[in-house]
C-alpha cells in the first residue's frame, strides 16, 4: 500500500512540474491567475513553492517506490533551477 502512495506522489510531482511548464507557455493567463490567487508581490512564492513541492514528492517516490522516479527528480530539480533563474532576473 505504501508503494502505491509513493507512485501517486510521483505522479502528482510530474503533474505539478508539467503544470509549471504549461504555465510558462501561456504566460498571460497564468500571470492573471497567480495575481488573483496570491497577489502580484507573492506570485514567485507560489511558483517556487510548487516547484519545490514537486521535487520533494518526486524524491519520496524515488526512495519509496522505484528508482526510475529519480528521472522525475532530475526533471523537477531542473524545473526548479530554471524558474529560480528566470524569476531572479
PDB file of N, CA and C in Angstrom:
ATOM      1  N   UNK A   1       0.810  -1.186   0.000  1.00  0.00           N
ATOM      2  CA  UNK A   1       0.000   0.000   0.000  1.00  0.00           C
ATOM      3  C   UNK A   1       0.862   1.262   0.000  1.00  0.00           C
ATOM      4  N   UNK A   2       1.943   1.282   0.783  1.00  0.00           N
ATOM      5  CA  UNK A   2       2.804   2.464   0.846  1.00  0.00           C
ATOM      6  C   UNK A   2       3.470   2.719  -0.505  1.00  0.00           C
ATOM      7  N   UNK A   3       3.767   1.633  -1.210  1.00  0.00           N
ATOM      8  CA  UNK A   3       4.402   1.788  -2.525  1.00  0.00           C
ATOM      9  C   UNK A   3       3.443   2.445  -3.524  1.00  0.00           C
ATOM     10  N   UNK A   4       2.178   2.108  -3.426  1.00  0.00           N
ATOM     11  CA  UNK A   4       1.186   2.722  -4.312  1.00  0.00           C
ATOM     12  C   UNK A   4       1.047   4.217  -4.025  1.00  0.00           C
ATOM     13  N   UNK A   5       1.083   4.587  -2.750  1.00  0.00           N
ATOM     14  CA  UNK A   5       1.017   6.010  -2.405  1.00  0.00           C
ATOM     15  C   UNK A   5       2.264   6.750  -2.869  1.00  0.00           C
ATOM     16  N   UNK A   6       3.407   6.081  -2.843  1.00  0.00           N
ATOM     17  CA  UNK A   6       4.636   6.701  -3.332  1.00  0.00           C
ATOM     18  C   UNK A   6       4.565   6.923  -4.841  1.00  0.00           C
ATOM     19  N   UNK A   7       4.004   5.969  -5.566  1.00  0.00           N
ATOM     20  CA  UNK A   7       3.802   6.168  -7.008  1.00  0.00           C
ATOM     21  C   UNK A   7       2.827   7.321  -7.259  1.00  0.00           C
ATOM     22  N   UNK A   8       1.812   7.432  -6.432  1.00  0.00           N
ATOM     23  CA  UNK A   8       0.864   8.537  -6.544  1.00  0.00           C
ATOM     24  C   UNK A   8       1.563   9.872  -6.282  1.00  0.00           C
ATOM     25  N   UNK A   9       2.460   9.912  -5.298  1.00  0.00           N
ATOM     26  CA  UNK A   9       3.221  11.130  -5.017  1.00  0.00           C
ATOM     27  C   UNK A   9       4.089  11.507  -6.219  1.00  0.00           C
ATOM     28  N   UNK A  10       4.696  10.520  -6.866  1.00  0.00           N
ATOM     29  CA  UNK A  10       5.488  10.795  -8.054  1.00  0.00           C
ATOM     30  C   UNK A  10       4.645  11.309  -9.205  1.00  0.00           C
ATOM     31  N   UNK A  11       3.475  10.747  -9.366  1.00  0.00           N
ATOM     32  CA  UNK A  11       2.577  11.212 -10.431  1.00  0.00           C
ATOM     33  C   UNK A  11       2.116  12.644 -10.170  1.00  0.00           C
ATOM     34  N   UNK A  12       1.836  12.973  -8.919  1.00  0.00           N
ATOM     35  CA  UNK A  12       1.452  14.345  -8.576  1.00  0.00           C
ATOM     36  C   UNK A  12       2.617  15.293  -8.828  1.00  0.00           C
ATOM     37  N   UNK A  13       3.833  14.855  -8.516  1.00  0.00           N
ATOM     38  CA  UNK A  13       5.015  15.683  -8.768  1.00  0.00           C
ATOM     39  C   UNK A  13       5.166  15.980 -10.255  1.00  0.00           C
ATOM     40  N   UNK A  14       4.964  14.979 -11.092  1.00  0.00           N
ATOM     41  CA  UNK A  14       5.089  15.203 -12.535  1.00  0.00           C
ATOM     42  C   UNK A  14       3.949  16.073 -13.058  1.00  0.00           C
ATOM     43  N   UNK A  15       2.777  15.953 -12.457  1.00  0.00           N
ATOM     44  CA  UNK A  15       1.659  16.814 -12.829  1.00  0.00           C
ATOM     45  C   UNK A  15       1.958  18.271 -12.490  1.00  0.00           C
ATOM     46  N   UNK A  16       2.516  18.511 -11.307  1.00  0.00           N
ATOM     47  CA  UNK A  16       2.873  19.875 -10.914  1.00  0.00           C
ATOM     48  C   UNK A  16       3.967  20.449 -11.810  1.00  0.00           C
ATOM     49  N   UNK A  17       4.967  19.625 -12.133  1.00  0.00           N
ATOM     50  CA  UNK A  17       6.050  20.079 -12.996  1.00  0.00           C
ATOM     51  C   UNK A  17       5.526  20.406 -14.389  1.00  0.00           C
ATOM     52  N   UNK A  18       4.679  19.553 -14.906  1.00  0.00           N
ATOM     53  CA  UNK A  18       4.094  19.802 -16.225  1.00  0.00           C
ATOM     54  C   UNK A  18       3.224  21.053 -16.211  1.00  0.00           C
ATOM     55  N   UNK A  19       2.509  21.255 -15.124  1.00  0.00           N
ATOM     56  CA  UNK A  19       1.674  22.442 -14.993  1.00  0.00           C
ATOM     57  C   UNK A  19       2.516  23.717 -15.027  1.00  0.00           C
ATOM     58  N   UNK A  20       3.688  23.684 -14.411  1.00  0.00           N
ATOM     59  CA  UNK A  20       4.565  24.849 -14.445  1.00  0.00           C
ATOM     60  C   UNK A  20       5.043  25.149 -15.864  1.00  0.00           C
ATOM     61  N   UNK A  21       5.389  24.109 -16.622  1.00  0.00           N
ATOM     62  CA  UNK A  21       5.853  24.330 -17.991  1.00  0.00           C
ATOM     63  C   UNK A  21       4.718  24.796 -18.900  1.00  0.00           C
ATOM     64  N   UNK A  22       3.510  24.293 -18.691  1.00  0.00           N
ATOM     65  CA  UNK A  22       2.364  24.762 -19.473  1.00  0.00           C
ATOM     66  C   UNK A  22       2.069  26.223 -19.131  1.00  0.00           C
ATOM     67  N   UNK A  23       2.217  26.577 -17.856  1.00  0.00           N
ATOM     68  CA  UNK A  23       2.011  27.968 -17.457  1.00  0.00           C
ATOM     69  C   UNK A  23       3.049  28.879 -18.090  1.00  0.00           C
ATOM     70  N   UNK A  24       4.246  28.372 -18.320  1.00  0.00           N
ATOM     71  CA  UNK A  24       5.271  29.166 -18.987  1.00  0.00           C
ATOM     72  C   UNK A  24       4.886  29.443 -20.438  1.00  0.00           C
ATOM     73  N   UNK A  25       4.227  28.481 -21.070  1.00  0.00           N
ATOM     74  CA  UNK A  25       3.809  28.663 -22.458  1.00  0.00           C
ATOM     75  C   UNK A  25       2.641  29.633 -22.591  1.00  0.00           C
ATOM     76  N   UNK A  26       1.775  29.668 -21.602  1.00  0.00           N
ATOM     77  CA  UNK A  26       0.612  30.563 -21.606  1.00  0.00           C
ATOM     78  C   UNK A  26       0.774  31.565 -20.468  1.00  0.00           C
ATOM     79  N   UNK A  27       1.765  32.414 -20.591  1.00  0.00           N
ATOM     80  CA  UNK A  27       2.147  33.318 -19.511  1.00  0.00           C
ATOM     81  C   UNK A  27       1.084  34.309 -19.097  1.00  0.00           C
ATOM     82  N   UNK A  28       0.338  34.830 -20.045  1.00  0.00           N
ATOM     83  CA  UNK A  28      -0.672  35.840 -19.714  1.00  0.00           C
ATOM     84  C   UNK A  28      -1.763  35.303 -18.809  1.00  0.00           C
ATOM     85  N   UNK A  29      -2.304  34.147 -19.166  1.00  0.00           N
ATOM     86  CA  UNK A  29      -3.364  33.546 -18.349  1.00  0.00           C
ATOM     87  C   UNK A  29      -2.830  33.112 -16.990  1.00  0.00           C
ATOM     88  N   UNK A  30      -1.632  32.534 -16.983  1.00  0.00           N
ATOM     89  CA  UNK A  30      -1.045  32.085 -15.722  1.00  0.00           C
ATOM     90  C   UNK A  30      -0.741  33.266 -14.811  1.00  0.00           C
ATOM     91  N   UNK A  31      -0.283  34.377 -15.388  1.00  0.00           N
ATOM     92  CA  UNK A  31       0.031  35.561 -14.596  1.00  0.00           C
ATOM     93  C   UNK A  31      -1.226  36.151 -13.967  1.00  0.00           C
ATOM     94  N   UNK A  32      -2.305  36.222 -14.734  1.00  0.00           N
ATOM     95  CA  UNK A  32      -3.560  36.725 -14.178  1.00  0.00           C
ATOM     96  C   UNK A  32      -4.090  35.813 -13.077  1.00  0.00           C
ATOM     97  N   UNK A  33      -3.961  34.487 -13.290  1.00  0.00           N
ATOM     98  CA  UNK A  33      -4.431  33.534 -12.286  1.00  0.00           C
ATOM     99  C   UNK A  33      -3.639  33.677 -10.984  1.00  0.00           C
ATOM    100  N   UNK A  34      -2.316  33.796 -11.090  1.00  0.00           N
ATOM    101  CA  UNK A  34      -1.499  33.931  -9.883  1.00  0.00           C
ATOM    102  C   UNK A  34      -1.700  35.275  -9.205  1.00  0.00           C
ATOM    103  N   UNK A  35      -1.941  36.317  -9.990  1.00  0.00           N
ATOM    104  CA  UNK A  35      -2.236  37.617  -9.387  1.00  0.00           C
ATOM    105  C   UNK A  35      -3.514  37.552  -8.571  1.00  0.00           C
ATOM    106  N   UNK A  36      -4.520  36.862  -9.092  1.00  0.00           N
ATOM    107  CA  UNK A  36      -5.772  36.710  -8.351  1.00  0.00           C
ATOM    108  C   UNK A  36      -5.591  35.803  -7.136  1.00  0.00           C
ATOM    109  N   UNK A  37      -4.742  34.800  -7.269  1.00  0.00           N
ATOM    110  CA  UNK A  37      -4.558  33.827  -6.192  1.00  0.00           C
ATOM    111  C   UNK A  37      -3.722  34.380  -5.042  1.00  0.00           C
ATOM    112  N   UNK A  38      -2.558  34.956  -5.363  1.00  0.00           N
ATOM    113  CA  UNK A  38      -1.628  35.341  -4.307  1.00  0.00           C
ATOM    114  C   UNK A  38      -1.252  36.811  -4.320  1.00  0.00           C
ATOM    115  N   UNK A  39      -1.656  37.534  -5.320  1.00  0.00           N
ATOM    116  CA  UNK A  39      -1.253  38.927  -5.422  1.00  0.00           C
ATOM    117  C   UNK A  39       0.032  39.060  -6.223  1.00  0.00           C
ATOM    118  N   UNK A  40       0.264  40.223  -6.757  1.00  0.00           N
ATOM    119  CA  UNK A  40       1.414  40.444  -7.642  1.00  0.00           C
ATOM    120  C   UNK A  40       2.741  40.310  -6.913  1.00  0.00           C
ATOM    121  N   UNK A  41       2.761  40.602  -5.624  1.00  0.00           N
ATOM    122  CA  UNK A  41       4.013  40.570  -4.884  1.00  0.00           C
ATOM    123  C   UNK A  41       4.408  39.156  -4.465  1.00  0.00           C
ATOM    124  N   UNK A  42       3.479  38.219  -4.429  1.00  0.00           N
ATOM    125  CA  UNK A  42       3.760  36.886  -3.907  1.00  0.00           C
ATOM    126  C   UNK A  42       3.691  35.783  -4.952  1.00  0.00           C
ATOM    127  N   UNK A  43       3.557  36.124  -6.220  1.00  0.00           N
ATOM    128  CA  UNK A  43       3.385  35.068  -7.213  1.00  0.00           C
ATOM    129  C   UNK A  43       4.639  34.217  -7.374  1.00  0.00           C
ATOM    130  N   UNK A  44       5.815  34.800  -7.161  1.00  0.00           N
ATOM    131  CA  UNK A  44       7.030  33.991  -7.263  1.00  0.00           C
ATOM    132  C   UNK A  44       7.092  32.948  -6.161  1.00  0.00           C
ATOM    133  N   UNK A  45       6.509  33.251  -4.993  1.00  0.00           N
ATOM    134  CA  UNK A  45       6.480  32.275  -3.899  1.00  0.00           C
ATOM    135  C   UNK A  45       5.630  31.064  -4.266  1.00  0.00           C
ATOM    136  N   UNK A  46       4.531  31.299  -4.965  1.00  0.00           N
ATOM    137  CA  UNK A  46       3.667  30.202  -5.391  1.00  0.00           C
ATOM    138  C   UNK A  46       4.383  29.329  -6.416  1.00  0.00           C
ATOM    139  N   UNK A  47       5.048  29.960  -7.386  1.00  0.00           N
ATOM    140  CA  UNK A  47       5.744  29.204  -8.431  1.00  0.00           C
ATOM    141  C   UNK A  47       6.892  28.393  -7.839  1.00  0.00           C
ATOM    142  N   UNK A  48       7.733  29.031  -7.034  1.00  0.00           N
ATOM    143  CA  UNK A  48       8.868  28.310  -6.456  1.00  0.00           C
ATOM    144  C   UNK A  48       8.424  27.279  -5.415  1.00  0.00           C
ATOM    145  N   UNK A  49       7.352  27.570  -4.698  1.00  0.00           N
ATOM    146  CA  UNK A  49       6.817  26.590  -3.754  1.00  0.00           C
ATOM    147  C   UNK A  49       6.267  25.359  -4.457  1.00  0.00           C
ATOM    148  N   UNK A  50       5.615  25.570  -5.582  1.00  0.00           N
ATOM    149  CA  UNK A  50       5.105  24.443  -6.373  1.00  0.00           C
ATOM    150  C   UNK A  50       6.247  23.602  -6.920  1.00  0.00           C
ATOM    151  N   UNK A  51       7.287  24.264  -7.411  1.00  0.00           N
ATOM    152  CA  UNK A  51       8.447  23.523  -7.934  1.00  0.00           C
ATOM    153  C   UNK A  51       9.149  22.755  -6.825  1.00  0.00           C
ATOM    154  N   UNK A  52       9.272  23.350  -5.653  1.00  0.00           N
ATOM    155  CA  UNK A  52       9.916  22.663  -4.534  1.00  0.00           C
ATOM    156  C   UNK A  52       9.074  21.481  -4.059  1.00  0.00           C
ATOM    157  N   UNK A  53       7.770  21.640  -4.033  1.00  0.00           N
ATOM    158  CA  UNK A  53       6.880  20.529  -3.672  1.00  0.00           C
ATOM    159  C   UNK A  53       7.011  19.387  -4.668  1.00  0.00           C
ATOM    160  N   UNK A  54       7.151  19.714  -5.945  1.00  0.00           N
ATOM    161  CA  UNK A  54       7.329  18.676  -6.963  1.00  0.00           C
ATOM    162  C   UNK A  54       8.636  17.919  -6.748  1.00  0.00           C
ATOM    163  N   UNK A  55       9.694  18.628  -6.375  1.00  0.00           N
ATOM    164  CA  UNK A  55      10.980  17.970  -6.099  1.00  0.00           C
ATOM    165  C   UNK A  55      10.842  17.024  -4.916  1.00  0.00           C
ATOM    166  N   UNK A  56      10.207  17.472  -3.870  1.00  0.00           N
ATOM    167  CA  UNK A  56      10.058  16.644  -2.665  1.00  0.00           C
ATOM    168  C   UNK A  56       9.211  15.406  -2.950  1.00  0.00           C
ATOM    169  N   UNK A  57       8.092  15.579  -3.645  1.00  0.00           N
ATOM    170  CA  UNK A  57       7.238  14.427  -3.948  1.00  0.00           C
ATOM    171  C   UNK A  57       7.924  13.435  -4.876  1.00  0.00           C
ATOM    172  N   UNK A  58       8.678  13.926  -5.850  1.00  0.00           N
ATOM    173  CA  UNK A  58       9.408  13.026  -6.744  1.00  0.00           C
ATOM    174  C   UNK A  58      10.503  12.281  -5.983  1.00  0.00           C
ATOM    175  N   UNK A  59      11.149  12.957  -5.044  1.00  0.00           N
ATOM    176  CA  UNK A  59      12.184  12.306  -4.243  1.00  0.00           C
ATOM    177  C   UNK A  59      11.580  11.225  -3.351  1.00  0.00           C
ATOM    178  N   UNK A  60      10.425  11.484  -2.784  1.00  0.00           N
ATOM    179  CA  UNK A  60       9.737  10.472  -1.973  1.00  0.00           C
ATOM    180  C   UNK A  60       9.394   9.264  -2.837  1.00  0.00           C
ATOM    181  N   UNK A  61       8.920   9.511  -4.045  1.00  0.00           N
ATOM    182  CA  UNK A  61       8.587   8.404  -4.945  1.00  0.00           C
ATOM    183  C   UNK A  61       9.834   7.625  -5.341  1.00  0.00           C
ATOM    184  N   UNK A  62      10.945   8.309  -5.536  1.00  0.00           N
ATOM    185  CA  UNK A  62      12.182   7.622  -5.922  1.00  0.00           C
ATOM    186  C   UNK A  62      12.708   6.745  -4.787  1.00  0.00           C
ATOM    187  N   UNK A  63      12.583   7.213  -3.570  1.00  0.00           N
ATOM    188  CA  UNK A  63      13.073   6.451  -2.425  1.00  0.00           C
ATOM    189  C   UNK A  63      12.132   5.295  -2.082  1.00  0.00           C
ATOM    190  N   UNK A  64      10.829   5.565  -2.053  1.00  0.00           N
ATOM    191  CA  UNK A  64       9.879   4.574  -1.562  1.00  0.00           C
ATOM    192  C   UNK A  64       9.350   3.625  -2.630  1.00  0.00           C
ATOM    193  N   UNK A  65       9.229   4.092  -3.870  1.00  0.00           N
ATOM    194  CA  UNK A  65       8.547   3.279  -4.873  1.00  0.00           C
ATOM    195  C   UNK A  65       9.513   2.598  -5.834  1.00  0.00           C
ATOM    196  N   UNK A  66      10.222   3.371  -6.617  1.00  0.00           N
ATOM    197  CA  UNK A  66      11.049   2.789  -7.664  1.00  0.00           C
ATOM    198  C   UNK A  66      12.161   3.756  -8.019  1.00  0.00           C
ATOM    199  N   UNK A  67      13.310   3.224  -8.374  1.00  0.00           N
ATOM    200  CA  UNK A  67      14.454   4.073  -8.717  1.00  0.00           C
ATOM    201  C   UNK A  67      14.231   4.850 -10.010  1.00  0.00           C
ATOM    202  N   UNK A  68      13.311   4.426 -10.826  1.00  0.00           N
ATOM    203  CA  UNK A  68      13.039   5.163 -12.065  1.00  0.00           C
ATOM    204  C   UNK A  68      12.505   6.553 -11.795  1.00  0.00           C
ATOM    205  N   UNK A  69      11.997   6.789 -10.607  1.00  0.00           N
ATOM    206  CA  UNK A  69      11.495   8.115 -10.260  1.00  0.00           C
ATOM    207  C   UNK A  69      12.621   9.121 -10.090  1.00  0.00           C
ATOM    208  N   UNK A  70      13.882   8.653 -10.021  1.00  0.00           N
ATOM    209  CA  UNK A  70      14.996   9.604  -9.960  1.00  0.00           C
ATOM    210  C   UNK A  70      15.067  10.438 -11.233  1.00  0.00           C
ATOM    211  N   UNK A  71      14.574   9.926 -12.330  1.00  0.00           N
ATOM    212  CA  UNK A  71      14.461  10.720 -13.548  1.00  0.00           C
ATOM    213  C   UNK A  71      13.473  11.870 -13.326  1.00  0.00           C
ATOM    214  N   UNK A  72      12.406  11.589 -12.619  1.00  0.00           N
ATOM    215  CA  UNK A  72      11.452  12.635 -12.257  1.00  0.00           C
ATOM    216  C   UNK A  72      12.059  13.656 -11.310  1.00  0.00           C
ATOM    217  N   UNK A  73      12.924  13.186 -10.402  1.00  0.00           N
ATOM    218  CA  UNK A  73      13.618  14.106  -9.506  1.00  0.00           C
ATOM    219  C   UNK A  73      14.502  15.045 -10.318  1.00  0.00           C
ATOM    220  N   UNK A  74      15.226  14.494 -11.284  1.00  0.00           N
ATOM    221  CA  UNK A  74      16.103  15.322 -12.117  1.00  0.00           C
ATOM    222  C   UNK A  74      15.281  16.340 -12.913  1.00  0.00           C
ATOM    223  N   UNK A  75      14.158  15.921 -13.448  1.00  0.00           N
ATOM    224  CA  UNK A  75      13.290  16.820 -14.202  1.00  0.00           C
ATOM    225  C   UNK A  75      12.735  17.925 -13.296  1.00  0.00           C
ATOM    226  N   UNK A  76      12.340  17.571 -12.092  1.00  0.00           N
ATOM    227  CA  UNK A  76      11.795  18.555 -11.152  1.00  0.00           C
ATOM    228  C   UNK A  76      12.870  19.530 -10.676  1.00  0.00           C
ATOM    229  N   UNK A  77      14.070  19.027 -10.427  1.00  0.00           N
ATOM    230  CA  UNK A  77      15.165  19.909  -9.999  1.00  0.00           C
ATOM    231  C   UNK A  77      15.538  20.869 -11.135  1.00  0.00           C
ATOM    232  N   UNK A  78      15.543  20.364 -12.360  1.00  0.00           N
ATOM    233  CA  UNK A  78      15.807  21.234 -13.498  1.00  0.00           C
ATOM    234  C   UNK A  78      14.760  22.319 -13.642  1.00  0.00           C
ATOM    235  N   UNK A  79      13.514  21.966 -13.419  1.00  0.00           N
ATOM    236  CA  UNK A  79      12.431  22.944 -13.469  1.00  0.00           C
ATOM    237  C   UNK A  79      12.588  23.981 -12.364  1.00  0.00           C
ATOM    238  N   UNK A  80      12.911  23.528 -11.161  1.00  0.00           N
ATOM    239  CA  UNK A  80      13.127  24.451 -10.050  1.00  0.00           C
ATOM    240  C   UNK A  80      14.281  25.394 -10.353  1.00  0.00           C
ATOM    241  N   UNK A  81      15.363  24.861 -10.889  1.00  0.00           N
ATOM    242  CA  UNK A  81      16.503  25.703 -11.240  1.00  0.00           C
ATOM    243  C   UNK A  81      16.169  26.709 -12.320  1.00  0.00           C
ATOM    244  N   UNK A  82      15.443  26.276 -13.334  1.00  0.00           N
ATOM    245  CA  UNK A  82      15.070  27.178 -14.423  1.00  0.00           C
ATOM    246  C   UNK A  82      14.192  28.318 -13.925  1.00  0.00           C
ATOM    247  N   UNK A  83      13.169  27.983 -13.147  1.00  0.00           N
ATOM    248  CA  UNK A  83      12.269  29.024 -12.673  1.00  0.00           C
ATOM    249  C   UNK A  83      12.933  29.924 -11.632  1.00  0.00           C
ATOM    250  N   UNK A  84      13.847  29.387 -10.839  1.00  0.00           N
ATOM    251  CA  UNK A  84      14.598  30.232  -9.899  1.00  0.00           C
ATOM    252  C   UNK A  84      15.444  31.233 -10.666  1.00  0.00           C
ATOM    253  N   UNK A  85      16.120  30.770 -11.702  1.00  0.00           N
ATOM    254  CA  UNK A  85      16.925  31.673 -12.519  1.00  0.00           C
ATOM    255  C   UNK A  85      16.063  32.697 -13.257  1.00  0.00           C
ATOM    256  N   UNK A  86      14.952  32.244 -13.799  1.00  0.00           N
ATOM    257  CA  UNK A  86      14.090  33.144 -14.572  1.00  0.00           C
ATOM    258  C   UNK A  86      13.435  34.198 -13.676  1.00  0.00           C
ATOM    259  N   UNK A  87      13.080  33.832 -12.461  1.00  0.00           N
ATOM    260  CA  UNK A  87      12.418  34.786 -11.570  1.00  0.00           C
ATOM    261  C   UNK A  87      13.399  35.698 -10.851  1.00  0.00           C
ATOM    262  N   UNK A  88      14.676  35.349 -10.850  1.00  0.00           N
ATOM    263  CA  UNK A  88      15.660  36.183 -10.161  1.00  0.00           C
ATOM    264  C   UNK A  88      16.191  37.298 -11.048  1.00  0.00           C
ATOM    265  N   UNK A  89      15.873  37.283 -12.325  1.00  0.00           N
ATOM    266  CA  UNK A  89      16.350  38.308 -13.255  1.00  0.00           C
ATOM    267  C   UNK A  89      15.522  39.538 -13.203  1.00  0.00           C
TER     268      UNK A  89
END
